[in-house]
Amino acid sequence: MRFLDRLQLPPLPAELVKQFSGQLTELDLRRMVKVKHAAAANDLSEASFRRHYSHLIQKITTRRDGVVLLNALTLPPPQD
């Protein structure tokens, strides 16, 4: 049994798996990265990323925030 099967996570959309196949594994796409890294990947400042994409930021600890790498690579439209 695969590790991801035991976690009972919903499957990633097929088009995203195809888009990143050979580059990133499914586990890589689900890992958390720092907000600073997510912003840099999208050519934004960290403050701008926090302002426009705050709905993607998750609290990891009391002092650390993170973004799922898949969300950082495929940004949805910002919430108003």
N, C-alpha and C. Protein backbone atom coordinates (compact mmCIF):
# COMPACT_ATOMS: atom_id res chain seq x y z
N MET A 1 0.84 -1.18 0.00
CA MET A 1 0.00 0.00 0.00
C MET A 1 0.88 1.24 0.00
N ARG A 2 0.55 2.19 -0.86
CA ARG A 2 1.33 3.42 -0.97
C ARG A 2 1.07 4.32 0.23
N PHE A 3 2.04 5.15 0.55
CA PHE A 3 1.94 6.07 1.67
C PHE A 3 0.77 7.03 1.49
N LEU A 4 0.60 7.58 0.29
CA LEU A 4 -0.48 8.54 0.05
C LEU A 4 -1.84 7.88 0.16
N ASP A 5 -1.94 6.60 -0.17
CA ASP A 5 -3.22 5.90 -0.04
C ASP A 5 -3.63 5.81 1.43
N ARG A 6 -2.66 5.65 2.30
CA ARG A 6 -2.96 5.55 3.73
C ARG A 6 -3.39 6.89 4.31
N LEU A 7 -2.96 7.99 3.70
CA LEU A 7 -3.35 9.31 4.19
C LEU A 7 -4.79 9.65 3.85
N GLN A 8 -5.36 8.99 2.88
CA GLN A 8 -6.72 9.20 2.41
C GLN A 8 -6.93 10.64 1.95
N LEU A 9 -5.98 11.15 1.16
CA LEU A 9 -6.09 12.46 0.58
C LEU A 9 -6.88 12.36 -0.72
N PRO A 10 -7.62 13.40 -1.06
CA PRO A 10 -8.33 13.36 -2.34
C PRO A 10 -7.32 13.34 -3.49
N PRO A 11 -7.63 12.66 -4.57
CA PRO A 11 -6.67 12.59 -5.68
C PRO A 11 -6.48 13.95 -6.33
N LEU A 12 -5.29 14.16 -6.86
CA LEU A 12 -5.03 15.39 -7.60
C LEU A 12 -5.71 15.30 -8.96
N PRO A 13 -6.13 16.43 -9.51
CA PRO A 13 -6.72 16.40 -10.85
C PRO A 13 -5.74 15.84 -11.87
N ALA A 14 -6.25 15.07 -12.81
CA ALA A 14 -5.41 14.38 -13.79
C ALA A 14 -4.58 15.35 -14.63
N GLU A 15 -5.16 16.49 -14.98
CA GLU A 15 -4.41 17.45 -15.81
C GLU A 15 -3.22 18.04 -15.07
N LEU A 16 -3.33 18.19 -13.75
CA LEU A 16 -2.19 18.68 -12.98
C LEU A 16 -1.12 17.62 -12.84
N VAL A 17 -1.52 16.38 -12.64
CA VAL A 17 -0.55 15.29 -12.54
C VAL A 17 0.20 15.18 -13.87
N LYS A 18 -0.52 15.30 -14.97
CA LYS A 18 0.12 15.22 -16.29
C LYS A 18 1.05 16.41 -16.50
N GLN A 19 0.65 17.59 -16.07
CA GLN A 19 1.45 18.80 -16.27
C GLN A 19 2.79 18.72 -15.54
N PHE A 20 2.81 18.14 -14.35
CA PHE A 20 4.03 18.09 -13.56
C PHE A 20 4.68 16.71 -13.55
N SER A 21 4.21 15.78 -14.36
CA SER A 21 4.79 14.44 -14.35
C SER A 21 6.24 14.49 -14.80
N GLY A 22 7.07 13.72 -14.13
CA GLY A 22 8.49 13.68 -14.44
C GLY A 22 9.28 14.77 -13.74
N GLN A 23 8.62 15.80 -13.26
CA GLN A 23 9.29 16.90 -12.58
C GLN A 23 9.09 16.81 -11.07
N LEU A 24 7.84 16.66 -10.67
CA LEU A 24 7.50 16.60 -9.26
C LEU A 24 6.58 15.42 -9.00
N THR A 25 6.78 14.77 -7.88
CA THR A 25 5.90 13.66 -7.52
C THR A 25 4.64 14.23 -6.85
N GLU A 26 3.65 13.39 -6.66
CA GLU A 26 2.43 13.82 -6.01
C GLU A 26 2.71 14.29 -4.58
N LEU A 27 3.61 13.63 -3.93
CA LEU A 27 3.97 14.03 -2.56
C LEU A 27 4.66 15.39 -2.56
N ASP A 28 5.52 15.66 -3.55
CA ASP A 28 6.16 16.96 -3.65
C ASP A 28 5.13 18.07 -3.82
N LEU A 29 4.12 17.83 -4.65
CA LEU A 29 3.10 18.84 -4.92
C LEU A 29 2.24 19.14 -3.69
N ARG A 30 2.15 18.19 -2.77
CA ARG A 30 1.33 18.39 -1.57
C ARG A 30 2.11 18.95 -0.38
N ARG A 31 3.41 19.13 -0.50
CA ARG A 31 4.18 19.62 0.65
C ARG A 31 4.00 21.12 0.84
N MET A 32 4.28 21.57 2.05
CA MET A 32 4.15 22.98 2.39
C MET A 32 5.48 23.69 2.15
N VAL A 33 5.40 24.89 1.61
CA VAL A 33 6.57 25.73 1.42
C VAL A 33 6.33 27.05 2.12
N LYS A 34 7.39 27.78 2.38
CA LYS A 34 7.28 29.08 3.03
C LYS A 34 6.56 30.05 2.10
N VAL A 35 5.90 31.01 2.69
CA VAL A 35 5.17 32.02 1.91
C VAL A 35 6.16 32.79 1.04
N LYS A 36 7.34 33.03 1.55
CA LYS A 36 8.38 33.75 0.80
C LYS A 36 8.73 33.00 -0.49
N HIS A 37 8.80 31.67 -0.43
CA HIS A 37 9.15 30.86 -1.59
C HIS A 37 7.99 30.82 -2.59
N ALA A 38 6.76 30.74 -2.08
CA ALA A 38 5.59 30.75 -2.96
C ALA A 38 5.49 32.07 -3.70
N ALA A 39 5.78 33.16 -3.00
CA ALA A 39 5.74 34.48 -3.64
C ALA A 39 6.84 34.60 -4.69
N ALA A 40 8.03 34.13 -4.38
CA ALA A 40 9.14 34.21 -5.33
C ALA A 40 8.86 33.38 -6.58
N ALA A 41 8.20 32.25 -6.44
CA ALA A 41 7.88 31.40 -7.58
C ALA A 41 6.90 32.08 -8.53
N ASN A 42 6.15 33.05 -8.02
CA ASN A 42 5.18 33.77 -8.83
C ASN A 42 5.59 35.21 -9.11
N ASP A 43 6.84 35.52 -8.83
CA ASP A 43 7.40 36.85 -9.09
C ASP A 43 6.60 37.94 -8.37
N LEU A 44 6.28 37.68 -7.11
CA LEU A 44 5.56 38.63 -6.27
C LEU A 44 6.37 38.86 -5.00
N SER A 45 6.13 40.00 -4.37
CA SER A 45 6.72 40.20 -3.05
C SER A 45 5.90 39.39 -2.05
N GLU A 46 6.50 39.11 -0.91
CA GLU A 46 5.77 38.34 0.11
C GLU A 46 4.54 39.10 0.59
N ALA A 47 4.66 40.41 0.74
CA ALA A 47 3.52 41.22 1.20
C ALA A 47 2.38 41.19 0.18
N SER A 48 2.73 41.25 -1.09
CA SER A 48 1.72 41.21 -2.14
C SER A 48 1.04 39.84 -2.20
N PHE A 49 1.83 38.78 -2.04
CA PHE A 49 1.25 37.43 -2.00
C PHE A 49 0.30 37.29 -0.82
N ARG A 50 0.71 37.79 0.34
CA ARG A 50 -0.16 37.71 1.52
C ARG A 50 -1.44 38.52 1.32
N ARG A 51 -1.35 39.66 0.63
CA ARG A 51 -2.52 40.50 0.42
C ARG A 51 -3.51 39.86 -0.54
N HIS A 52 -3.02 39.33 -1.66
CA HIS A 52 -3.90 38.83 -2.71
C HIS A 52 -4.26 37.35 -2.58
N TYR A 53 -3.42 36.57 -1.93
CA TYR A 53 -3.65 35.13 -1.84
C TYR A 53 -3.65 34.64 -0.39
N SER A 54 -4.18 35.44 0.50
CA SER A 54 -4.21 35.07 1.92
C SER A 54 -5.05 33.82 2.16
N HIS A 55 -5.99 33.53 1.27
CA HIS A 55 -6.83 32.34 1.44
C HIS A 55 -6.05 31.05 1.22
N LEU A 56 -4.85 31.12 0.63
CA LEU A 56 -4.02 29.93 0.42
C LEU A 56 -3.04 29.69 1.57
N ILE A 57 -2.85 30.67 2.42
CA ILE A 57 -1.86 30.59 3.49
C ILE A 57 -2.45 29.85 4.68
N GLN A 58 -1.71 28.85 5.16
CA GLN A 58 -2.14 28.05 6.30
C GLN A 58 -1.16 28.25 7.45
N LYS A 59 -1.67 28.24 8.64
CA LYS A 59 -0.85 28.38 9.84
C LYS A 59 -0.25 27.02 10.18
N ILE A 60 1.08 26.93 10.18
CA ILE A 60 1.75 25.67 10.52
C ILE A 60 2.02 25.63 12.03
N THR A 61 2.63 26.68 12.53
CA THR A 61 2.82 26.84 13.97
C THR A 61 2.41 28.27 14.31
N THR A 62 2.58 28.66 15.55
CA THR A 62 2.20 30.03 15.92
C THR A 62 3.04 31.08 15.21
N ARG A 63 4.24 30.70 14.78
CA ARG A 63 5.14 31.67 14.16
C ARG A 63 5.45 31.38 12.70
N ARG A 64 4.87 30.31 12.15
CA ARG A 64 5.22 29.92 10.78
C ARG A 64 3.97 29.69 9.94
N ASP A 65 3.99 30.28 8.74
CA ASP A 65 2.92 30.12 7.78
C ASP A 65 3.46 29.35 6.58
N GLY A 66 2.57 28.67 5.87
CA GLY A 66 2.99 27.91 4.71
C GLY A 66 1.91 27.88 3.65
N VAL A 67 2.31 27.48 2.45
CA VAL A 67 1.42 27.34 1.31
C VAL A 67 1.69 25.98 0.69
N VAL A 68 0.64 25.28 0.30
CA VAL A 68 0.81 24.00 -0.40
C VAL A 68 1.44 24.31 -1.75
N LEU A 69 2.48 23.59 -2.12
CA LEU A 69 3.24 23.86 -3.34
C LEU A 69 2.34 23.84 -4.57
N LEU A 70 1.42 22.91 -4.64
CA LEU A 70 0.51 22.83 -5.78
C LEU A 70 -0.27 24.13 -5.93
N ASN A 71 -0.75 24.69 -4.83
CA ASN A 71 -1.48 25.96 -4.89
C ASN A 71 -0.58 27.11 -5.31
N ALA A 72 0.67 27.08 -4.87
CA ALA A 72 1.61 28.13 -5.24
C ALA A 72 1.94 28.09 -6.73
N LEU A 73 1.99 26.90 -7.31
CA LEU A 73 2.32 26.76 -8.72
C LEU A 73 1.13 27.02 -9.64
N THR A 74 -0.06 26.80 -9.15
CA THR A 74 -1.28 27.00 -9.96
C THR A 74 -2.20 27.95 -9.20
N LEU A 75 -1.85 29.21 -9.20
CA LEU A 75 -2.60 30.18 -8.41
C LEU A 75 -4.02 30.36 -8.95
N PRO A 76 -5.00 30.26 -8.06
CA PRO A 76 -6.35 30.61 -8.43
C PRO A 76 -6.50 32.13 -8.45
N PRO A 77 -7.60 32.64 -8.95
CA PRO A 77 -7.79 34.10 -8.91
C PRO A 77 -7.83 34.59 -7.47
N PRO A 78 -7.31 35.79 -7.20
CA PRO A 78 -7.33 36.29 -5.82
C PRO A 78 -8.75 36.54 -5.34
N GLN A 79 -8.95 36.36 -4.04
CA GLN A 79 -10.26 36.66 -3.45
C GLN A 79 -10.35 38.15 -3.19
N ASP A 80 -11.53 38.69 -3.34
CA ASP A 80 -11.72 40.13 -3.09
C ASP A 80 -12.01 40.40 -1.64
